Amino acid sequence: RRRWHAARSGELWQTDACHGPALFDPASGRAVRVKIFALLDDRSRLVPYLMAGFHETQADFLAVLLGAVKRRGIPRGILMDNHMSFKGTDVQLACAKLDIRLHFARPYDGPAKGKIERFWRHLRDHVLDRLDPLKVETLDELNVRLWAWVEGEYHKKPHEGLNGRTPLEAWEEDAAEIRWVEDSAILDSAFTAFIERAVRNDSTCQVRGSTYEVPTHLRGRTVKIGYGLLAPERLFVDGGSTRVPLREVDPESNARRSRQGAPPAPEAP
């Protein structure tokens, strides 16, 4: 191996996830071990964004990427491992639209991402292993403590690998080279995907095994259906200047709905 770093800040970010403490998850009704996603700038060691959550999915990573891009601009590349939360098609789509090149480390090769692995050890030694379980009981409380340490201590502490500079100082030296987001529409487009579906004669279409109702005037046509990468369950028909939300078919409810002024179907005895 050779010692190396990116030529400038924003050139390459490293990303990974680590496991934190077990906290109560209201959705499952039990304690679940927290997963923390983070992005680390290779040149300056600055943390563009990190967030703790209960899941380790594409959507969780994309939420961290979106937060990082809003705060620190668009990187030119990201180095990641081969976990499906990084290799999924939604991640590849968003990064392609933002012109971010994806680089993957070899399987089971942790040292290939040595900088973020070192950051995890630092985070565990200074934050995670010192948490008081009586004071940190929710995700919000954990994320507040993570960010307080990152912004209040880590970014302002001289780094041995930066010749005594702090991560924030090293980042600011290259601020003019960062690809800042100048139009929010760019992010909206990058984090939205579209698929095409044929609409049946009963004004429905299928997406991921579920059936959705489509406006009746689109029967027999092929329509473009969009969804947000951070909320793939929320679908809409793209009408150009308008977006019509879709809902799953409820056959029992439809049996009682009037059609062209006809009386509703009688209730079952």
Protein backbone atom coordinates (compact mmCIF):
# COMPACT_ATOMS: atom_id res chain seq x y z
CA ARG A 1 0.00 0.00 0.00
CA ARG A 2 1.01 3.61 -0.55
CA ARG A 3 0.08 6.62 1.53
CA TRP A 4 -2.13 8.96 -0.49
CA HIS A 5 -4.83 11.63 -0.31
CA ALA A 6 -7.02 13.51 -2.77
CA ALA A 7 -5.55 16.56 -4.50
CA ARG A 8 -8.19 18.95 -3.13
CA SER A 9 -11.21 19.12 -0.86
CA GLY A 10 -14.38 17.89 -2.53
CA GLU A 11 -12.41 15.67 -4.92
CA LEU A 12 -13.20 12.44 -3.07
CA TRP A 13 -15.37 11.53 -0.10
CA GLN A 14 -15.21 8.25 1.78
CA THR A 15 -18.35 6.70 3.23
CA ASP A 16 -19.25 3.82 5.48
CA ALA A 17 -21.61 2.84 8.29
CA CYS A 18 -20.91 1.70 11.83
CA HIS A 19 -23.09 0.26 14.58
CA GLY A 20 -23.84 2.35 17.63
CA PRO A 21 -25.80 1.75 20.84
CA ALA A 22 -29.13 -0.06 21.04
CA LEU A 23 -32.03 2.40 21.40
CA PHE A 24 -35.77 1.92 21.59
CA ASP A 25 -37.38 1.89 18.15
CA PRO A 26 -41.03 3.02 18.32
CA ALA A 27 -41.79 1.36 14.97
CA SER A 28 -40.75 -2.13 16.11
CA GLY A 29 -41.53 -1.70 19.80
CA ARG A 30 -38.13 -2.96 20.94
CA ALA A 31 -34.51 -1.91 21.31
CA VAL A 32 -32.61 -1.88 17.99
CA ARG A 33 -28.91 -1.30 17.44
CA VAL A 34 -28.40 2.05 15.72
CA LYS A 35 -26.59 2.38 12.38
CA ILE A 36 -24.56 5.53 11.75
CA PHE A 37 -23.82 6.63 8.18
CA ALA A 38 -21.10 9.21 7.62
CA LEU A 39 -19.24 10.90 4.76
CA LEU A 40 -15.64 12.04 5.19
CA ASP A 41 -13.72 14.33 2.87
CA ASP A 42 -10.50 12.52 1.90
CA ARG A 43 -8.32 15.63 1.65
CA SER A 44 -9.38 17.67 4.68
CA ARG A 45 -10.87 14.90 6.91
CA LEU A 46 -13.93 17.13 7.34
CA VAL A 47 -17.28 15.39 7.92
CA PRO A 48 -19.83 16.77 5.41
CA TYR A 49 -22.65 14.88 7.12
CA LEU A 50 -23.46 11.99 9.42
CA MET A 51 -26.69 10.63 10.84
CA ALA A 52 -27.83 7.77 13.06
CA GLY A 53 -30.89 5.70 12.22
CA PHE A 54 -32.46 2.30 12.79
CA HIS A 55 -31.93 0.97 9.25
CA GLU A 56 -29.06 0.42 6.82
CA THR A 57 -30.74 0.89 3.44
CA GLN A 58 -30.26 2.90 0.26
CA ALA A 59 -32.76 5.49 1.46
CA ASP A 60 -30.82 5.98 4.71
CA PHE A 61 -27.57 6.55 2.84
CA LEU A 62 -29.25 8.84 0.31
CA ALA A 63 -30.64 10.97 3.14
CA VAL A 64 -27.07 11.42 4.43
CA LEU A 65 -25.77 12.18 0.93
CA LEU A 66 -28.48 14.79 0.39
CA GLY A 67 -27.65 16.47 3.70
CA ALA A 68 -23.94 16.45 2.84
CA VAL A 69 -24.46 17.95 -0.62
CA LYS A 70 -26.62 20.74 0.80
CA ARG A 71 -23.99 21.61 3.42
CA ARG A 72 -20.71 20.99 1.62
CA GLY A 73 -21.37 20.87 -2.12
CA ILE A 74 -21.20 18.03 -4.64
CA PRO A 75 -18.13 15.76 -4.49
CA ARG A 76 -16.45 14.55 -7.65
CA GLY A 77 -16.21 10.99 -6.36
CA ILE A 78 -17.16 8.74 -3.44
CA LEU A 79 -15.19 5.74 -2.17
CA MET A 80 -17.41 3.10 -0.57
CA ASP A 81 -17.61 -0.60 0.21
CA ASN A 82 -19.81 -3.23 -1.45
CA HIS A 83 -22.80 -3.16 0.92
CA MET A 84 -26.15 -2.99 -0.91
CA SER A 85 -26.99 0.32 0.75
CA PHE A 86 -24.24 1.78 -1.48
CA LYS A 87 -24.53 -0.40 -4.61
CA GLY A 88 -28.27 -0.13 -5.23
CA THR A 89 -29.68 1.34 -8.42
CA ASP A 90 -31.17 4.38 -6.65
CA VAL A 91 -27.73 5.39 -5.33
CA GLN A 92 -26.17 4.90 -8.75
CA LEU A 93 -28.94 6.98 -10.36
CA ALA A 94 -28.63 9.91 -7.95
CA CYS A 95 -24.84 9.98 -8.22
CA ALA A 96 -24.95 9.78 -12.01
CA LYS A 97 -27.29 12.78 -12.17
CA LEU A 98 -24.97 14.74 -9.88
CA ASP A 99 -21.91 13.67 -11.89
CA ILE A 100 -20.38 11.82 -8.93
CA ARG A 101 -18.08 8.92 -9.78
CA LEU A 102 -18.44 5.85 -7.57
CA HIS A 103 -15.36 3.93 -6.46
CA PHE A 104 -15.70 0.60 -4.64
CA ALA A 105 -13.14 -0.93 -2.32
CA ARG A 106 -12.34 -4.60 -2.63
CA PRO A 107 -14.58 -6.88 -0.52
CA TYR A 108 -13.39 -7.32 3.08
CA ASP A 109 -10.66 -4.73 2.58
CA GLY A 110 -11.25 -2.28 5.43
CA PRO A 111 -7.79 -0.62 5.18
CA ALA A 112 -8.67 0.55 1.65
CA LYS A 113 -10.95 3.08 3.39
CA GLY A 114 -8.42 3.76 6.12
CA LYS A 115 -9.37 7.38 6.78
CA ILE A 116 -13.01 6.75 7.60
CA GLU A 117 -12.10 3.59 9.52
CA ARG A 118 -9.83 5.76 11.65
CA PHE A 119 -12.66 8.26 12.07
CA TRP A 120 -14.93 5.48 13.39
CA ARG A 121 -12.35 4.56 16.03
CA HIS A 122 -12.06 8.21 17.01
CA LEU A 123 -15.85 8.57 17.19
CA ARG A 124 -16.20 5.44 19.29
CA ASP A 125 -13.44 6.44 21.72
CA HIS A 126 -14.69 10.02 22.20
CA VAL A 127 -18.48 9.68 21.90
CA LEU A 128 -20.09 6.26 21.57
CA ASP A 129 -18.20 4.53 24.40
CA ARG A 130 -18.89 7.48 26.72
CA LEU A 131 -22.64 7.79 26.20
CA ASP A 132 -24.80 7.75 29.32
CA PRO A 133 -27.72 5.37 28.53
CA LEU A 134 -29.89 7.27 31.01
CA LYS A 135 -29.40 10.55 29.13
CA VAL A 136 -29.38 9.28 25.54
CA GLU A 137 -32.55 7.30 24.91
CA THR A 138 -33.72 8.48 21.46
CA LEU A 139 -32.28 8.94 17.99
CA ASP A 140 -32.68 12.70 18.21
CA GLU A 141 -30.66 12.84 21.43
CA LEU A 142 -27.92 10.68 19.89
CA ASN A 143 -27.73 12.78 16.71
CA VAL A 144 -27.50 15.98 18.76
CA ARG A 145 -24.50 14.58 20.63
CA LEU A 146 -22.84 13.32 17.46
CA TRP A 147 -23.11 16.72 15.78
CA ALA A 148 -22.05 18.60 18.91
CA TRP A 149 -18.82 16.59 18.96
CA VAL A 150 -18.19 16.86 15.20
CA GLU A 151 -18.75 20.62 14.97
CA GLY A 152 -17.55 21.60 18.44
CA GLU A 153 -14.47 19.40 18.76
CA TYR A 154 -13.48 17.26 15.79
CA HIS A 155 -13.56 19.97 13.10
CA LYS A 156 -11.64 22.40 15.31
CA LYS A 157 -8.91 20.08 16.59
CA PRO A 158 -5.49 20.04 14.83
CA HIS A 159 -5.12 16.82 12.84
CA GLU A 160 -1.85 14.93 12.73
CA GLY A 161 -2.34 14.00 9.07
CA LEU A 162 -2.93 17.66 8.12
CA ASN A 163 0.41 19.02 9.43
CA GLY A 164 -1.25 20.54 12.47
CA ARG A 165 -4.17 22.15 10.65
CA THR A 166 -7.76 21.49 11.64
CA PRO A 167 -10.17 19.76 9.23
CA LEU A 168 -12.15 22.99 8.95
CA GLU A 169 -9.03 25.02 8.06
CA ALA A 170 -7.97 22.49 5.44
CA TRP A 171 -11.47 22.50 3.94
CA GLU A 172 -11.70 26.28 3.76
CA GLU A 173 -8.40 26.46 1.86
CA ASP A 174 -10.11 24.76 -1.09
CA ALA A 175 -13.54 26.39 -0.74
CA ALA A 176 -13.23 27.98 -4.19
CA GLU A 177 -12.87 24.52 -5.77
CA ILE A 178 -16.10 23.10 -4.29
CA ARG A 179 -19.01 22.37 -6.65
CA TRP A 180 -21.73 24.19 -4.73
CA VAL A 181 -25.42 23.58 -5.43
CA GLU A 182 -26.78 26.75 -7.04
CA ASP A 183 -30.30 25.56 -7.86
CA SER A 184 -32.49 23.40 -5.61
CA ALA A 185 -34.13 21.98 -8.73
CA ILE A 186 -30.89 20.11 -9.41
CA LEU A 187 -31.27 18.17 -6.17
CA ASP A 188 -34.97 17.57 -6.75
CA SER A 189 -34.17 16.03 -10.12
CA ALA A 190 -31.23 13.99 -8.81
CA PHE A 191 -33.27 12.45 -6.02
CA THR A 192 -36.30 11.64 -8.18
CA ALA A 193 -36.58 8.56 -10.40
CA PHE A 194 -39.06 7.71 -13.16
CA ILE A 195 -40.40 4.46 -14.55
CA GLU A 196 -42.93 3.77 -17.32
CA ARG A 197 -46.04 1.66 -16.82
CA ALA A 198 -48.99 0.71 -19.03
CA VAL A 199 -52.38 1.71 -17.60
CA ARG A 200 -55.04 -1.01 -17.74
CA ASN A 201 -58.64 -0.51 -18.76
CA ASP A 202 -59.67 -0.41 -15.09
CA SER A 203 -57.41 2.67 -14.60
CA THR A 204 -54.74 0.83 -12.63
CA CYS A 205 -51.07 -0.04 -13.03
CA GLN A 206 -48.62 -2.18 -11.10
CA VAL A 207 -45.45 -0.99 -9.41
CA ARG A 208 -43.25 -3.30 -7.32
CA GLY A 209 -46.02 -5.87 -7.04
CA SER A 210 -48.64 -3.39 -5.79
CA THR A 211 -51.60 -2.02 -7.77
CA TYR A 212 -52.23 1.73 -7.93
CA GLU A 213 -55.11 3.82 -9.22
CA VAL A 214 -54.37 6.14 -12.16
CA PRO A 215 -56.61 9.00 -13.41
CA THR A 216 -59.26 7.49 -15.67
CA HIS A 217 -58.41 9.62 -18.72
CA LEU A 218 -55.07 7.77 -18.92
CA ARG A 219 -56.60 4.34 -19.51
CA GLY A 220 -54.79 2.38 -22.21
CA ARG A 221 -51.80 4.73 -22.24
CA THR A 222 -48.20 4.34 -21.11
CA VAL A 223 -47.47 6.86 -18.37
CA LYS A 224 -44.35 8.10 -16.63
CA ILE A 225 -44.49 7.40 -12.90
CA GLY A 226 -42.10 9.16 -10.57
CA TYR A 227 -41.02 8.59 -6.99
CA GLY A 228 -38.64 10.25 -4.57
CA LEU A 229 -35.55 8.19 -3.81
CA LEU A 230 -35.90 9.06 -0.13
CA ALA A 231 -39.57 8.00 -0.09
CA PRO A 232 -40.01 5.34 -2.81
CA GLU A 233 -43.48 4.47 -1.53
CA ARG A 234 -44.83 7.87 -2.61
CA LEU A 235 -45.66 7.60 -6.31
CA PHE A 236 -47.00 10.20 -8.72
CA VAL A 237 -47.90 10.50 -12.39
CA ASP A 238 -45.70 13.06 -14.11
CA GLY A 239 -47.86 15.37 -16.16
CA GLY A 240 -45.10 17.78 -17.09
CA SER A 241 -46.12 20.83 -15.08
CA THR A 242 -48.20 18.83 -12.59
CA ARG A 243 -47.72 15.76 -10.42
CA VAL A 244 -50.74 13.62 -9.56
CA PRO A 245 -50.21 11.44 -6.44
CA LEU A 246 -51.13 7.77 -6.76
CA ARG A 247 -52.73 5.60 -4.13
CA GLU A 248 -53.01 1.86 -3.80
CA VAL A 249 -56.26 0.29 -4.94
CA ASP A 250 -58.78 -0.44 -2.17
CA PRO A 251 -61.28 -2.86 -3.80
CA GLU A 252 -63.73 -2.78 -0.89
CA SER A 253 -63.83 1.01 -0.82
CA ASN A 254 -64.22 1.15 -4.59
CA ALA A 255 -67.24 -1.14 -4.37
CA ARG A 256 -69.07 1.64 -2.47
CA ARG A 257 -67.93 4.54 -4.65
CA SER A 258 -70.42 6.07 -7.08
CA ARG A 259 -69.72 5.95 -10.81
CA GLN A 260 -70.99 8.77 -13.04
CA GLY A 261 -73.72 9.68 -10.61
CA ALA A 262 -74.90 6.11 -10.08
CA PRO A 263 -75.96 5.23 -6.51
CA PRO A 264 -73.30 3.51 -4.41
CA ALA A 265 -73.33 -0.25 -4.15
CA PRO A 266 -75.33 -1.55 -1.16
CA GLU A 267 -73.50 -2.49 1.99
CA ALA A 268 -72.92 -6.20 2.47
CA PRO A 269 -75.27 -7.70 5.07
